[in-house]
Every structure is written in C-alpha cells, then in structure tokens.
Amino acid sequence: REVNLWSTAVDALKEAADVHVCHRQMEIIINATRDETGRQRALIAGALPAVVGVVHAHPRDRGVQVYGCQALVVICKLSNTRKYAAADAGAFPVLAACLRTHMDYEPLARDSLEALVLLAASTEGRREKMAMEAGVDALAVASMRAHPSSVDVQANGIRALGTLARADPTSAAQCVRGGALPVLSDAMGAHRDSATIHEAACDAVHALVAGNEVSRGAAAGEGLCLEVVASLVRHIQNQRVAEAAVCTMAELAHGPDAARYALAIDADCVPSLEEAAEAHPGSAALAREAVNCVGNLAQAADKRVQSALPQRTVRFVAARMNAHRASGDVQEQGCAALLNLAGTSAARRQAASDVDVQRCVAKAMTGHGKNVHLQIWGCAAAVVIARDGNGAKLAAAEAKVVAAVMGATTAHPANASVMEWALLAIATISTGPLEATLIDEGVPDLCVRALRTWPKNLQTLELAIKVLITIAKASPVGRAAVLSSGAVERIKMLRKLNLEEPRVRRPADEFQKTLDVQAKRVAI
C-alpha cells in the first residue's frame, strides 16, 4: 500500500503544472523520507528523476528550487546508489542552474551547495567529475563571493570546493584557476570564530594544493599560510580544527620556499606546532603531521627558514616519536624529519646525535620492522647523524642503532634499497671506535650476504667491501671475524667477474692489501 502511495505522490509531482502543487507534492516527499525505508521507497518509485525534472521545468520559481534541493539531500543521504541515481538523472546541471539563476538568493545558494556536497563526494571520483563538467566549481566560488557574511553559504561553498578538488589533480588545478584560493582566504578572515568554517577551509586548502608546487605557491601568495596558522592558534583546543590545520601546514611546507617562508617566518609556525602537540597529546594524526611539517620546512634552501628551526625542533620530533611508539606513521615521519633536520644544519645534527634521539630512531626501526619506508628513512637518518663525529657514533652504539640497521636487512632481505642504506649506515658508523659492536652484531656476515645476493649491484658491492676493510683494519680480532665470514673467497670471485669495473676492482684490491698487512702484523 505504501509503495502505491509513493507512486501516486511521484506521479502527481510529474503531472503538476502549477508551482503551488509542486511545492505541496515535494513537501510531502520530503516529510515521507525521514528514515531509510522512506528514502529507499522514494528511489524505487522514481522520485529522484521526478524531482530533478520538476526543478528543471520551473527554473524561475525559488520555492520549487529550494524544495528540490532539500528533497535531493533528504532522499540521497547515506546511499551511494541513490546519489548515483540522482547524478544520472541530471542533478548536477540542475544544481548549476539553481546557483546561476538565483545567485543573489541566500537560502537557495545554501541549499544548492549543500546538495552539491552530498551528491558529489565519492570514493572513485566519478561524481565529482560529473559536477565539474556542469561547471559548479566556478558557481561555488561566485556564490561565496555573493554571500560573504553567510556562515552557511561559506561553509557549504568551502566543502564543495574541497570535495571537487579531491577528484583528481586536474580538478584541483581547475578550481585554483577559478579563484578558489582567494575566496577561502576571505572566508577564513571574515569568520575567524567559526570552527566549522576553519576546519572545512583547512581541509579544502589541503585538497586544492596537494602535490602541486605551483598551487602551494599561489596559496602562499593569497595569505593562506598565515590564515591556516591563525586557524590553529585561534582554535587550538578544538582537535578537529587543529588536526586539519597542521595537516595543511605540512602540505604547504613541501614548498616552494615562498610557502615555507610564510609558514616559518611570517606566521612563526613552530611554536604553534609545539603548543598544538601539547594540547592534544593523544592525537597520532596531529603528531604525524606536525613532525612532517617540521621535516618539510627543513628542506628549504632559504637560510632564513633554516634559522627558524632551532635545535629544539629535533627534541620536539623525538618527543612525538616517544609519545606515539605504536604509530608506524608517526615513526616513519619522525625518522624522515630527523634526517632532514640533521642533514641541513650542523647544530641540529649535533642535537640529533644525542643518544636519546638516536634511540628513537632505533626503536622506530625495531618496532615497525615490516615498514620498508621507515627502515630506509631510519638508515638514512643514521648515516647523517653519524657524520657528526665519534661522539655520535659511540652514541649510536649505545642506542643500538647498528642492531636496528641489521634488523632492517633481516626483515627485508630481498630489498636492494634497504641493503644499500643499511651498508651506508654501517660504513659511516664503522669509521670510528665501534669494532666490537660491528662484530657482535654480525656485520661481516651481513656484508658477505650482500655480496652474494647482489653480485651486479655496484653500489652494494662497493659499500660491503669498504665495511669489511674497515673491520679488518681495526685489529687482529676484526681480521679474524672477516676471514671467518667467507668474505675472502667471495670478493676474489667478484674481482674476477668485474675486472674492468673500478668500483669493484679498487676496493677488492684494497681489501686484499689490508688482509696482507694484518697478516704481517700478526706474524711479527
């Protein structure tokens, strides 16, 4: 019986010529679709194409337009099937027409944008592209400009732009070209106390500039670096806003340097990051993006940006890693950030050489052995930190960095990149007073395994042989460990296979000379 009632209501809507009858029938449909059963029956009865058709047939009647937008929202919520049905029925061109024809009418701008956000968001980007083809991106921008004081229009417009930008890089770039960034900056400046607007705006900025250096530079030019940091400062106790702001700051910090300068110098973002992490100590998402932001800033070529990253930023990263040991994402970003911080400043490298900081790297690697990217970042960080001198190398031994590096090669025995970075880390650390540690951790055996597994990888061969030379030079104990590993036979064979390759021939010859010298010393 209820199905028949739905069919009757939909048929009446289709046949209605008078706009007042359309109003009544759509109001009936809206009131009857407040639960999932009603929404599904509306779909079966063909309510979606009927609503789209009526809105299209009465473009000048604001009442029909408003009811139509509200009906689309009520019927389509919580169902991809219904959203696709509306899209396929022509909802996006109709919504575009609503915005275009009634740009000055705030209730219709609000409801049209709300319907657009609901219908366009998808996991595969198809509906977003349908909306872009209807030209709604430019209309969303125009609506926001037409109603700057309306919180609802601004919030829905911001969400619409963010949704469209997430479809693909092309859509994001089109939104940027259409003026999305200036209206976002204006909305954030005009509604500083609205957490809703600032959360949505930070998310939208991230979607618009993600992976695009030109767009990130444009965002900096529109003052959005300052606005995003201001969002964090003003709403720092609101975890959702804080997470959205810090995530966007990390994306902007990818560069260009103009964006990094705006964040680090103009907005002085580092203290804000520290305060946000203290305000939300349990948020792994915020910690991950905070250390990511610091690490990205450290890649700046501008010395003024480097000066805004003091030694304490190293301790900040280490503290976040200690606070979120179970989060592989925090640990991975932490190792990458320490690499960037230590690699671009002697003072920060000295700070990173502290045993507690190096212990963070070692624990990250051992605690998340399956994360291959983390293992590579960890090995690379160990390389850079060890270059600070013998004190850093002794601290690495105390922090169990060598054991962590060895663990990386065990967890990923077939990964050439892991082996190369592991050998480079060991080669860097081994040029100091660590002979006993290297032997105890089985480094000679690791080198022989590398020689056996990658006989054609010149970088791996060269590093492995150099590490063996370092250990053999250290003492008779080191020479004995190298001899017992089977390295001599393996290197001789590789020497024959690579007669014309200097990267193998030279270290292989040096290896043999080292053994001969050590043999004479033992004889004496």
Protein backbone atom coordinates (compact mmCIF):
# COMPACT_ATOMS: atom_id res chain seq x y z
CA ARG A 1 0.00 0.00 0.00
CA GLU A 2 2.81 2.43 0.93
CA VAL A 3 4.52 1.67 -2.38
CA ASN A 4 1.30 2.62 -4.17
CA LEU A 5 1.12 5.84 -2.14
CA TRP A 6 4.68 6.66 -3.20
CA SER A 7 3.84 6.02 -6.83
CA THR A 8 0.82 8.25 -6.53
CA ALA A 9 2.87 11.08 -4.97
CA VAL A 10 5.59 10.83 -7.62
CA ASP A 11 3.05 10.68 -10.45
CA ALA A 12 1.29 13.74 -9.05
CA LEU A 13 4.60 15.60 -8.96
CA LYS A 14 5.38 14.67 -12.54
CA GLU A 15 1.97 15.83 -13.76
CA ALA A 16 1.84 19.05 -11.73
CA ALA A 17 1.82 22.17 -13.86
CA ASP A 18 1.07 24.64 -11.10
CA VAL A 19 4.10 25.56 -8.96
CA HIS A 20 2.00 25.54 -5.78
CA VAL A 21 1.06 21.92 -6.42
CA CYS A 22 4.76 21.19 -6.95
CA HIS A 23 5.51 22.79 -3.60
CA ARG A 24 2.95 20.62 -1.82
CA GLN A 25 3.99 17.37 -3.50
CA MET A 26 7.68 17.90 -2.81
CA GLU A 27 6.92 18.81 0.79
CA ILE A 28 5.02 15.50 1.06
CA ILE A 29 8.01 13.65 -0.39
CA ILE A 30 10.48 15.38 1.95
CA ASN A 31 8.39 14.57 5.05
CA ALA A 32 7.98 10.93 3.97
CA THR A 33 11.72 10.34 3.50
CA ARG A 34 12.95 10.99 7.02
CA ASP A 35 14.01 7.35 7.53
CA GLU A 36 15.84 4.82 5.42
CA THR A 37 12.70 2.89 4.49
CA GLY A 38 11.08 6.02 3.09
CA ARG A 39 14.24 7.01 1.21
CA GLN A 40 14.50 3.61 -0.43
CA ARG A 41 10.83 3.61 -1.42
CA ALA A 42 11.30 7.04 -2.92
CA LEU A 43 14.11 5.64 -5.05
CA ILE A 44 12.00 2.69 -6.22
CA ALA A 45 9.06 4.97 -7.06
CA GLY A 46 11.26 7.17 -9.26
CA ALA A 47 11.21 10.22 -7.01
CA LEU A 48 14.72 11.36 -7.95
CA PRO A 49 14.18 11.85 -11.70
CA ALA A 50 10.78 13.37 -10.89
CA VAL A 51 12.32 15.94 -8.53
CA VAL A 52 15.11 16.77 -10.99
CA GLY A 53 12.53 17.12 -13.78
CA VAL A 54 10.30 19.48 -11.83
CA VAL A 55 13.21 21.70 -10.77
CA HIS A 56 14.36 21.82 -14.38
CA ALA A 57 10.82 22.67 -15.55
CA HIS A 58 10.40 25.62 -13.16
CA PRO A 59 13.78 27.41 -13.16
CA ARG A 60 12.36 30.78 -12.08
CA ASP A 61 10.35 29.64 -9.06
CA ARG A 62 12.50 29.87 -5.97
CA GLY A 63 10.15 27.70 -3.94
CA VAL A 64 10.44 24.80 -6.41
CA GLN A 65 14.20 25.24 -6.48
CA VAL A 66 14.55 25.23 -2.68
CA TYR A 67 12.22 22.26 -2.21
CA GLY A 68 14.02 20.39 -4.97
CA CYS A 69 17.44 20.86 -3.39
CA GLN A 70 16.11 19.82 0.02
CA ALA A 71 14.43 16.74 -1.49
CA LEU A 72 17.69 15.65 -3.14
CA VAL A 73 19.52 15.93 0.18
CA VAL A 74 16.89 14.06 2.19
CA ILE A 75 16.43 11.21 -0.30
CA CYS A 76 20.11 10.67 -1.18
CA LYS A 77 21.76 10.74 2.23
CA LEU A 78 23.53 7.54 3.36
CA SER A 79 23.37 5.79 -0.02
CA ASN A 80 25.78 5.80 -2.95
CA THR A 81 23.16 4.09 -5.06
CA ARG A 82 20.70 6.94 -4.58
CA LYS A 83 23.42 9.55 -5.13
CA TYR A 84 24.34 7.95 -8.44
CA ALA A 85 20.66 7.75 -9.38
CA ALA A 86 20.33 11.50 -8.78
CA ALA A 87 23.53 12.25 -10.70
CA ASP A 88 22.46 10.10 -13.62
CA ALA A 89 19.07 11.85 -13.62
CA GLY A 90 20.82 15.18 -14.25
CA ALA A 91 21.07 16.61 -10.74
CA PHE A 92 24.37 18.45 -11.29
CA PRO A 93 23.25 20.55 -14.29
CA VAL A 94 20.06 21.38 -12.37
CA LEU A 95 22.03 22.46 -9.29
CA ALA A 96 24.30 24.55 -11.50
CA ALA A 97 21.23 26.22 -12.99
CA CYS A 98 19.87 26.93 -9.50
CA LEU A 99 23.09 28.67 -8.49
CA ARG A 100 23.39 30.55 -11.76
CA THR A 101 19.80 31.79 -11.88
CA HIS A 102 19.35 32.65 -8.21
CA MET A 103 22.86 33.68 -7.20
CA ASP A 104 21.56 36.52 -5.02
CA TYR A 105 19.11 34.35 -3.02
CA GLU A 106 20.92 33.14 0.10
CA PRO A 107 18.60 30.23 1.07
CA LEU A 108 18.86 28.71 -2.40
CA ALA A 109 22.63 29.22 -2.59
CA ARG A 110 22.94 27.48 0.80
CA ASP A 111 20.70 24.53 -0.14
CA SER A 112 22.14 24.09 -3.64
CA LEU A 113 25.68 23.93 -2.28
CA GLU A 114 24.61 21.51 0.46
CA ALA A 115 23.08 19.21 -2.17
CA LEU A 116 26.17 19.55 -4.31
CA VAL A 117 28.48 18.50 -1.45
CA LEU A 118 26.32 15.48 -0.59
CA LEU A 119 25.92 14.25 -4.17
CA ALA A 120 29.43 14.90 -5.44
CA ALA A 121 31.52 13.19 -2.77
CA SER A 122 32.52 9.71 -3.93
CA THR A 123 35.39 7.30 -3.38
CA GLU A 124 36.37 6.91 -7.03
CA GLY A 125 35.95 10.50 -8.25
CA ARG A 126 33.22 9.87 -10.85
CA ARG A 127 30.51 12.08 -9.35
CA GLU A 128 32.99 14.87 -8.67
CA LYS A 129 33.93 14.86 -12.35
CA MET A 130 30.26 14.96 -13.36
CA ALA A 131 29.85 18.02 -11.15
CA MET A 132 32.94 19.66 -12.63
CA GLU A 133 31.55 19.10 -16.13
CA ALA A 134 28.43 21.00 -15.05
CA GLY A 135 30.59 23.99 -14.08
CA VAL A 136 29.68 24.03 -10.40
CA ASP A 137 33.22 24.90 -9.27
CA ALA A 138 33.02 28.43 -10.67
CA LEU A 139 29.45 28.80 -9.37
CA ALA A 140 30.52 27.78 -5.87
CA VAL A 141 33.18 30.48 -5.94
CA ALA A 142 30.67 33.05 -7.22
CA SER A 143 28.13 32.09 -4.54
CA MET A 144 30.70 32.57 -1.79
CA ARG A 145 31.56 36.00 -3.19
CA ALA A 146 27.86 36.90 -3.35
CA HIS A 147 27.19 35.97 0.29
CA PRO A 148 30.38 36.72 2.27
CA SER A 149 28.60 37.14 5.61
CA SER A 150 26.55 33.92 5.45
CA VAL A 151 28.22 31.22 7.52
CA ASP A 152 26.11 28.52 5.87
CA VAL A 153 26.91 29.58 2.30
CA GLN A 154 30.58 29.97 3.13
CA ALA A 155 30.79 26.59 4.88
CA ASN A 156 28.90 24.74 2.12
CA GLY A 157 30.89 26.50 -0.59
CA ILE A 158 34.17 25.60 1.08
CA ARG A 159 33.12 21.96 1.43
CA ALA A 160 32.03 21.92 -2.21
CA LEU A 161 35.42 23.20 -3.42
CA GLY A 162 37.25 20.69 -1.22
CA THR A 163 35.09 17.85 -2.49
CA LEU A 164 35.63 18.76 -6.14
CA ALA A 165 39.38 19.19 -5.65
CA ARG A 166 39.73 15.68 -4.25
CA ALA A 167 38.52 14.12 -7.51
CA ASP A 168 41.93 14.37 -9.22
CA PRO A 169 44.81 16.84 -9.69
CA THR A 170 43.21 18.26 -12.83
CA SER A 171 40.01 19.18 -10.98
CA ALA A 172 42.02 20.72 -8.13
CA ALA A 173 44.04 22.84 -10.56
CA GLN A 174 40.85 23.97 -12.32
CA CYS A 175 39.34 25.07 -9.00
CA VAL A 176 42.52 27.02 -8.21
CA ARG A 177 42.42 28.73 -11.60
CA GLY A 178 38.76 29.55 -10.99
CA GLY A 179 39.53 31.61 -7.89
CA ALA A 180 39.04 29.07 -5.09
CA LEU A 181 42.06 30.20 -3.06
CA PRO A 182 41.10 33.89 -2.65
CA VAL A 183 37.56 33.09 -1.51
CA LEU A 184 38.90 30.60 1.02
CA SER A 185 41.27 33.23 2.38
CA ASP A 186 38.42 35.76 2.58
CA ALA A 187 36.12 33.28 4.33
CA MET A 188 38.73 32.41 6.95
CA GLY A 189 39.45 36.09 7.60
CA ALA A 190 35.79 37.08 7.81
CA HIS A 191 34.70 34.22 10.09
CA ARG A 192 37.63 33.78 12.46
CA ASP A 193 35.47 32.49 15.33
CA SER A 194 33.73 29.77 13.28
CA ALA A 195 35.42 26.43 13.94
CA THR A 196 33.19 24.88 11.29
CA ILE A 197 34.48 27.20 8.57
CA HIS A 198 38.10 26.92 9.64
CA GLU A 199 38.10 23.12 9.75
CA ALA A 200 36.44 22.92 6.32
CA ALA A 201 38.73 25.61 4.90
CA CYS A 202 41.92 23.91 6.07
CA ASP A 203 40.72 20.63 4.54
CA ALA A 204 39.83 22.41 1.30
CA VAL A 205 43.19 24.18 1.04
CA HIS A 206 44.93 20.84 1.51
CA ALA A 207 42.85 19.26 -1.26
CA LEU A 208 43.45 22.18 -3.62
CA VAL A 209 47.24 22.33 -3.26
CA ALA A 210 48.16 18.68 -2.60
CA GLY A 211 51.07 17.59 -4.77
CA ASN A 212 51.15 20.85 -6.75
CA GLU A 213 54.02 23.25 -6.02
CA VAL A 214 52.52 25.99 -8.18
CA SER A 215 49.25 25.84 -6.25
CA ARG A 216 51.11 25.85 -2.94
CA GLY A 217 52.94 28.98 -4.04
CA ALA A 218 49.64 30.55 -5.09
CA ALA A 219 48.16 29.72 -1.67
CA ALA A 220 51.08 31.48 0.00
CA GLY A 221 50.51 34.48 -2.25
CA GLU A 222 46.86 34.65 -1.16
CA GLY A 223 47.88 34.69 2.51
CA LEU A 224 46.60 31.19 3.21
CA CYS A 225 49.75 30.11 5.07
CA LEU A 226 49.05 32.87 7.57
CA GLU A 227 45.34 32.03 7.70
CA VAL A 228 45.92 28.33 8.32
CA VAL A 229 48.35 29.02 11.17
CA ALA A 230 45.88 31.57 12.55
CA SER A 231 43.20 28.86 12.47
CA LEU A 232 45.44 26.63 14.55
CA VAL A 233 46.20 29.37 17.08
CA ARG A 234 42.60 30.55 17.46
CA HIS A 235 41.07 27.06 17.65
CA ILE A 236 43.96 25.16 19.19
CA GLN A 237 41.76 23.39 21.76
CA ASN A 238 39.49 22.06 19.01
CA GLN A 239 41.13 18.82 17.96
CA ARG A 240 39.42 18.58 14.59
CA VAL A 241 40.48 22.09 13.58
CA ALA A 242 43.98 21.55 14.97
CA GLU A 243 44.46 18.32 13.03
CA ALA A 244 43.14 19.86 9.80
CA ALA A 245 45.35 22.94 10.19
CA VAL A 246 48.54 21.02 10.97
CA CYS A 247 47.91 18.61 8.08
CA THR A 248 47.54 21.55 5.71
CA MET A 249 50.64 23.24 7.11
CA ALA A 250 52.63 20.07 6.40
CA GLU A 251 51.41 20.06 2.79
CA LEU A 252 52.23 23.75 2.29
CA ALA A 253 55.68 23.15 3.81
CA HIS A 254 56.53 20.89 0.88
CA GLY A 255 57.41 24.14 -0.88
CA PRO A 256 58.13 26.29 -2.75
CA ASP A 257 60.29 28.28 -0.38
CA ALA A 258 57.81 31.16 -0.54
CA ALA A 259 55.29 28.96 1.27
CA ARG A 260 57.93 27.73 3.73
CA TYR A 261 58.97 31.32 4.45
CA ALA A 262 55.36 32.36 5.02
CA LEU A 263 54.88 29.50 7.48
CA ALA A 264 58.17 29.64 9.36
CA ILE A 265 58.91 33.39 9.36
CA ASP A 266 55.71 35.34 8.69
CA ALA A 267 53.46 33.04 10.73
CA ASP A 268 56.15 31.72 13.14
CA CYS A 269 54.50 28.31 12.98
CA VAL A 270 56.96 26.22 15.03
CA PRO A 271 55.74 27.40 18.47
CA SER A 272 52.17 26.81 17.31
CA LEU A 273 53.03 23.24 16.32
CA GLU A 274 54.59 22.64 19.72
CA GLU A 275 51.57 24.07 21.51
CA ALA A 276 49.15 22.00 19.41
CA ALA A 277 51.04 18.80 20.18
CA GLU A 278 50.89 19.59 23.89
CA ALA A 279 47.18 20.41 23.68
CA HIS A 280 46.37 17.07 22.02
CA PRO A 281 48.98 14.57 23.26
CA GLY A 282 46.86 11.58 22.29
CA SER A 283 46.40 12.52 18.63
CA ALA A 284 48.74 10.46 16.50
CA ALA A 285 47.39 12.18 13.37
CA LEU A 286 48.39 15.59 14.67
CA ALA A 287 51.80 14.32 15.83
CA ARG A 288 52.46 12.75 12.43
CA GLU A 289 51.67 15.91 10.50
CA ALA A 290 53.50 18.16 12.97
CA VAL A 291 56.78 16.27 12.53
CA ASN A 292 56.09 16.06 8.79
CA CYS A 293 55.71 19.85 8.69
CA VAL A 294 58.98 20.43 10.56
CA GLY A 295 60.80 17.98 8.29
CA ASN A 296 59.44 19.63 5.16
CA LEU A 297 60.44 23.09 6.37
CA ALA A 298 63.97 21.80 6.93
CA GLN A 299 64.31 21.20 3.18
CA ALA A 300 64.16 24.93 2.47
CA ALA A 301 67.06 26.49 0.58
CA ASP A 302 66.28 29.84 2.22
CA LYS A 303 68.65 30.30 5.18
CA ARG A 304 66.07 32.45 6.95
CA VAL A 305 63.74 29.47 7.11
CA GLN A 306 66.56 27.29 8.41
CA SER A 307 67.20 29.82 11.17
CA ALA A 308 63.57 29.47 12.28
CA LEU A 309 64.16 25.77 13.05
CA PRO A 310 66.31 25.73 16.21
CA GLN A 311 67.89 22.73 17.87
CA ARG A 312 64.79 22.18 19.98
CA THR A 313 62.87 21.08 16.87
CA VAL A 314 64.95 17.89 16.97
CA ARG A 315 63.82 17.24 20.53
CA PHE A 316 60.25 18.09 19.50
CA VAL A 317 60.31 15.35 16.85
CA ALA A 318 61.87 12.86 19.27
CA ALA A 319 59.22 13.63 21.88
CA ARG A 320 56.43 12.96 19.39
CA MET A 321 58.05 9.66 18.42
CA ASN A 322 58.33 8.64 22.07
CA ALA A 323 54.71 9.57 22.71
CA HIS A 324 53.37 7.51 19.78
CA ARG A 325 55.58 4.43 19.54
CA ALA A 326 52.70 2.27 18.31
CA SER A 327 52.01 4.51 15.31
CA GLY A 328 54.04 3.44 12.30
CA ASP A 329 53.08 6.66 10.53
CA VAL A 330 54.45 8.86 13.33
CA GLN A 331 57.64 6.79 13.49
CA GLU A 332 58.15 6.92 9.72
CA GLN A 333 57.59 10.67 9.50
CA GLY A 334 59.75 11.15 12.59
CA CYS A 335 62.73 9.35 11.02
CA ALA A 336 62.28 11.35 7.81
CA ALA A 337 62.07 14.62 9.77
CA LEU A 338 65.22 13.82 11.77
CA LEU A 339 67.02 13.06 8.51
CA ASN A 340 66.02 16.45 7.05
CA LEU A 341 66.72 18.39 10.25
CA ALA A 342 70.14 16.82 10.82
CA GLY A 343 71.08 16.94 7.17
CA THR A 344 70.63 20.69 6.73
CA SER A 345 72.20 22.12 9.90
CA ALA A 346 75.34 21.28 11.86
CA ALA A 347 73.71 22.49 15.08
CA ARG A 348 70.65 20.30 14.56
CA ARG A 349 72.87 17.36 13.58
CA GLN A 350 74.67 17.75 16.90
CA ALA A 351 71.33 17.78 18.70
CA ALA A 352 70.27 14.65 16.80
CA SER A 353 73.49 12.85 17.82
CA ASP A 354 72.22 12.68 21.41
CA VAL A 355 71.81 9.07 22.49
CA ASP A 356 68.13 9.56 23.38
CA VAL A 357 67.34 10.90 19.92
CA GLN A 358 69.22 8.08 18.22
CA ARG A 359 67.41 5.62 20.46
CA CYS A 360 64.14 6.96 19.00
CA VAL A 361 65.37 6.01 15.52
CA ALA A 362 66.48 2.56 16.67
CA LYS A 363 63.20 1.85 18.47
CA ALA A 364 61.19 3.05 15.48
CA MET A 365 63.04 0.62 13.22
CA THR A 366 62.83 -2.35 15.55
CA GLY A 367 59.22 -1.65 16.50
CA HIS A 368 57.99 -1.42 12.91
CA GLY A 369 60.22 -3.83 11.03
CA LYS A 370 57.70 -4.50 8.25
CA ASN A 371 57.52 -0.84 7.23
CA VAL A 372 60.10 -0.72 4.47
CA HIS A 373 59.93 3.06 4.05
CA LEU A 374 60.56 3.55 7.75
CA GLN A 375 63.59 1.24 7.55
CA ILE A 376 65.08 3.26 4.70
CA TRP A 377 64.41 6.59 6.43
CA GLY A 378 65.87 5.21 9.65
CA CYS A 379 69.06 4.01 7.95
CA ALA A 380 69.41 7.34 6.12
CA ALA A 381 68.96 9.26 9.38
CA ALA A 382 71.63 7.09 11.00
CA VAL A 383 74.02 7.96 8.15
CA VAL A 384 73.56 11.71 8.51
CA ILE A 385 73.67 11.72 12.32
CA ALA A 386 76.84 9.59 12.43
CA ARG A 387 78.65 12.22 10.37
CA ASP A 388 78.67 14.45 13.45
CA GLY A 389 81.78 12.60 14.70
CA ASN A 390 82.97 9.85 17.01
CA GLY A 391 80.69 11.02 19.82
CA ALA A 392 77.67 10.47 17.58
CA LYS A 393 78.99 7.02 16.60
CA LEU A 394 79.51 5.99 20.21
CA ALA A 395 76.00 7.22 21.00
CA ALA A 396 74.72 5.14 18.05
CA ALA A 397 76.30 2.05 19.60
CA GLU A 398 74.72 2.80 22.97
CA ALA A 399 71.34 3.42 21.31
CA LYS A 400 71.50 0.06 19.48
CA VAL A 401 71.36 1.72 16.07
CA VAL A 402 73.60 -0.92 14.48
CA ALA A 403 71.33 -3.68 15.75
CA ALA A 404 68.31 -1.83 14.31
CA VAL A 405 70.04 -1.46 10.94
CA MET A 406 70.89 -5.17 10.95
CA GLY A 407 67.26 -5.90 11.77
CA ALA A 408 66.16 -3.92 8.72
CA THR A 409 68.22 -6.20 6.44
CA THR A 410 66.77 -9.27 8.14
CA ALA A 411 63.19 -8.02 7.77
CA HIS A 412 63.72 -7.10 4.11
CA PRO A 413 66.41 -9.48 2.79
CA ALA A 414 65.44 -9.05 -0.87
CA ASN A 415 65.15 -5.26 -0.88
CA ALA A 416 68.20 -3.70 -2.53
CA SER A 417 67.44 -0.18 -1.28
CA VAL A 418 67.27 -1.34 2.34
CA MET A 419 70.58 -3.17 1.93
CA GLU A 420 72.29 -0.17 0.31
CA TRP A 421 71.18 2.25 3.01
CA ALA A 422 71.98 -0.25 5.75
CA LEU A 423 75.50 -0.76 4.42
CA LEU A 424 75.97 3.00 4.03
CA ALA A 425 74.86 3.49 7.64
CA ILE A 426 77.24 0.81 8.86
CA ALA A 427 80.06 2.16 6.68
CA THR A 428 79.57 5.63 8.17
CA ILE A 429 79.30 4.41 11.75
CA SER A 430 82.22 1.98 11.36
CA THR A 431 84.77 4.73 10.70
CA GLY A 432 85.03 5.17 14.43
CA PRO A 433 85.68 3.19 17.64
CA LEU A 434 82.95 0.58 17.12
CA GLU A 435 84.78 -2.56 16.00
CA ALA A 436 83.45 -4.77 18.81
CA THR A 437 79.87 -3.65 18.22
CA LEU A 438 80.08 -4.36 14.50
CA ILE A 439 81.48 -7.84 15.07
CA ASP A 440 78.97 -8.66 17.82
CA GLU A 441 76.06 -7.63 15.59
CA GLY A 442 77.27 -9.89 12.76
CA VAL A 443 78.15 -7.14 10.30
CA PRO A 444 80.82 -9.24 8.47
CA ASP A 445 78.23 -11.91 7.75
CA LEU A 446 75.79 -9.25 6.55
CA CYS A 447 78.38 -7.91 4.11
CA VAL A 448 79.01 -11.37 2.69
CA ARG A 449 75.26 -11.92 2.33
CA ALA A 450 75.03 -8.64 0.41
CA LEU A 451 77.91 -9.68 -1.88
CA ARG A 452 76.18 -12.99 -2.54
CA THR A 453 72.67 -11.59 -3.07
CA TRP A 454 73.50 -8.60 -5.31
CA PRO A 455 76.61 -9.53 -7.34
CA LYS A 456 75.71 -6.99 -10.04
CA ASN A 457 74.74 -4.05 -7.81
CA LEU A 458 77.91 -1.94 -7.86
CA GLN A 459 76.79 0.38 -5.06
CA THR A 460 76.08 -2.55 -2.75
CA LEU A 461 79.33 -4.34 -3.64
CA GLU A 462 81.44 -1.23 -3.05
CA LEU A 463 79.84 -0.45 0.31
CA ALA A 464 80.01 -4.04 1.56
CA ILE A 465 83.71 -4.35 0.71
CA LYS A 466 84.51 -0.99 2.32
CA VAL A 467 82.82 -2.06 5.56
CA LEU A 468 84.82 -5.31 5.55
CA ILE A 469 88.03 -3.32 5.02
CA THR A 470 87.21 -1.07 7.99
CA ILE A 471 86.59 -4.03 10.28
CA ALA A 472 89.67 -5.90 9.09
CA LYS A 473 91.87 -2.83 9.62
CA ALA A 474 90.75 -2.32 13.19
CA SER A 475 92.60 -5.22 14.84
CA PRO A 476 93.54 -8.89 14.56
CA VAL A 477 90.13 -9.67 16.04
CA GLY A 478 88.48 -7.78 13.22
CA ARG A 479 90.62 -9.54 10.63
CA ALA A 480 89.70 -12.91 12.11
CA ALA A 481 86.00 -12.07 12.00
CA VAL A 482 86.27 -11.07 8.35
CA LEU A 483 88.20 -14.24 7.45
CA SER A 484 85.70 -16.50 9.20
CA SER A 485 82.81 -14.87 7.34
CA GLY A 486 83.89 -16.27 3.97
CA ALA A 487 84.48 -12.79 2.58
CA VAL A 488 87.86 -13.58 1.00
CA GLU A 489 86.57 -16.20 -1.42
CA ARG A 490 83.51 -14.19 -2.31
CA ILE A 491 85.49 -11.00 -3.05
CA LYS A 492 88.04 -12.89 -5.13
CA MET A 493 85.25 -14.29 -7.27
CA LEU A 494 83.63 -10.85 -7.67
CA ARG A 495 87.05 -9.39 -8.56
CA LYS A 496 87.34 -11.82 -11.45
CA LEU A 497 83.80 -11.09 -12.63
CA ASN A 498 84.40 -7.32 -12.59
CA LEU A 499 87.93 -6.93 -13.99
CA GLU A 500 87.08 -3.71 -15.81
CA GLU A 501 84.85 -2.15 -13.12
CA PRO A 502 86.85 0.23 -10.89
CA ARG A 503 84.08 0.45 -8.25
CA VAL A 504 84.67 -3.23 -7.51
CA ARG A 505 88.31 -3.68 -8.56
CA ARG A 506 89.75 -0.92 -6.38
CA PRO A 507 88.06 -1.82 -3.07
CA ALA A 508 88.69 -5.52 -3.75
CA ASP A 509 92.42 -4.83 -4.19
CA GLU A 510 92.44 -2.65 -1.08
CA PHE A 511 90.70 -5.44 0.83
CA GLN A 512 93.41 -7.93 -0.12
CA LYS A 513 96.17 -5.47 0.81
CA THR A 514 94.52 -4.88 4.19
CA LEU A 515 94.48 -8.59 4.91
CA ASP A 516 98.13 -8.94 3.85
CA VAL A 517 99.20 -6.07 6.12
CA GLN A 518 97.29 -7.51 9.03
CA ALA A 519 98.80 -10.94 8.41
CA LYS A 520 102.32 -9.48 8.62
CA ARG A 521 101.44 -7.72 11.88
CA VAL A 522 100.15 -10.97 13.33
CA ALA A 523 103.32 -12.77 12.24
CA ILE A 524 105.51 -10.14 13.87
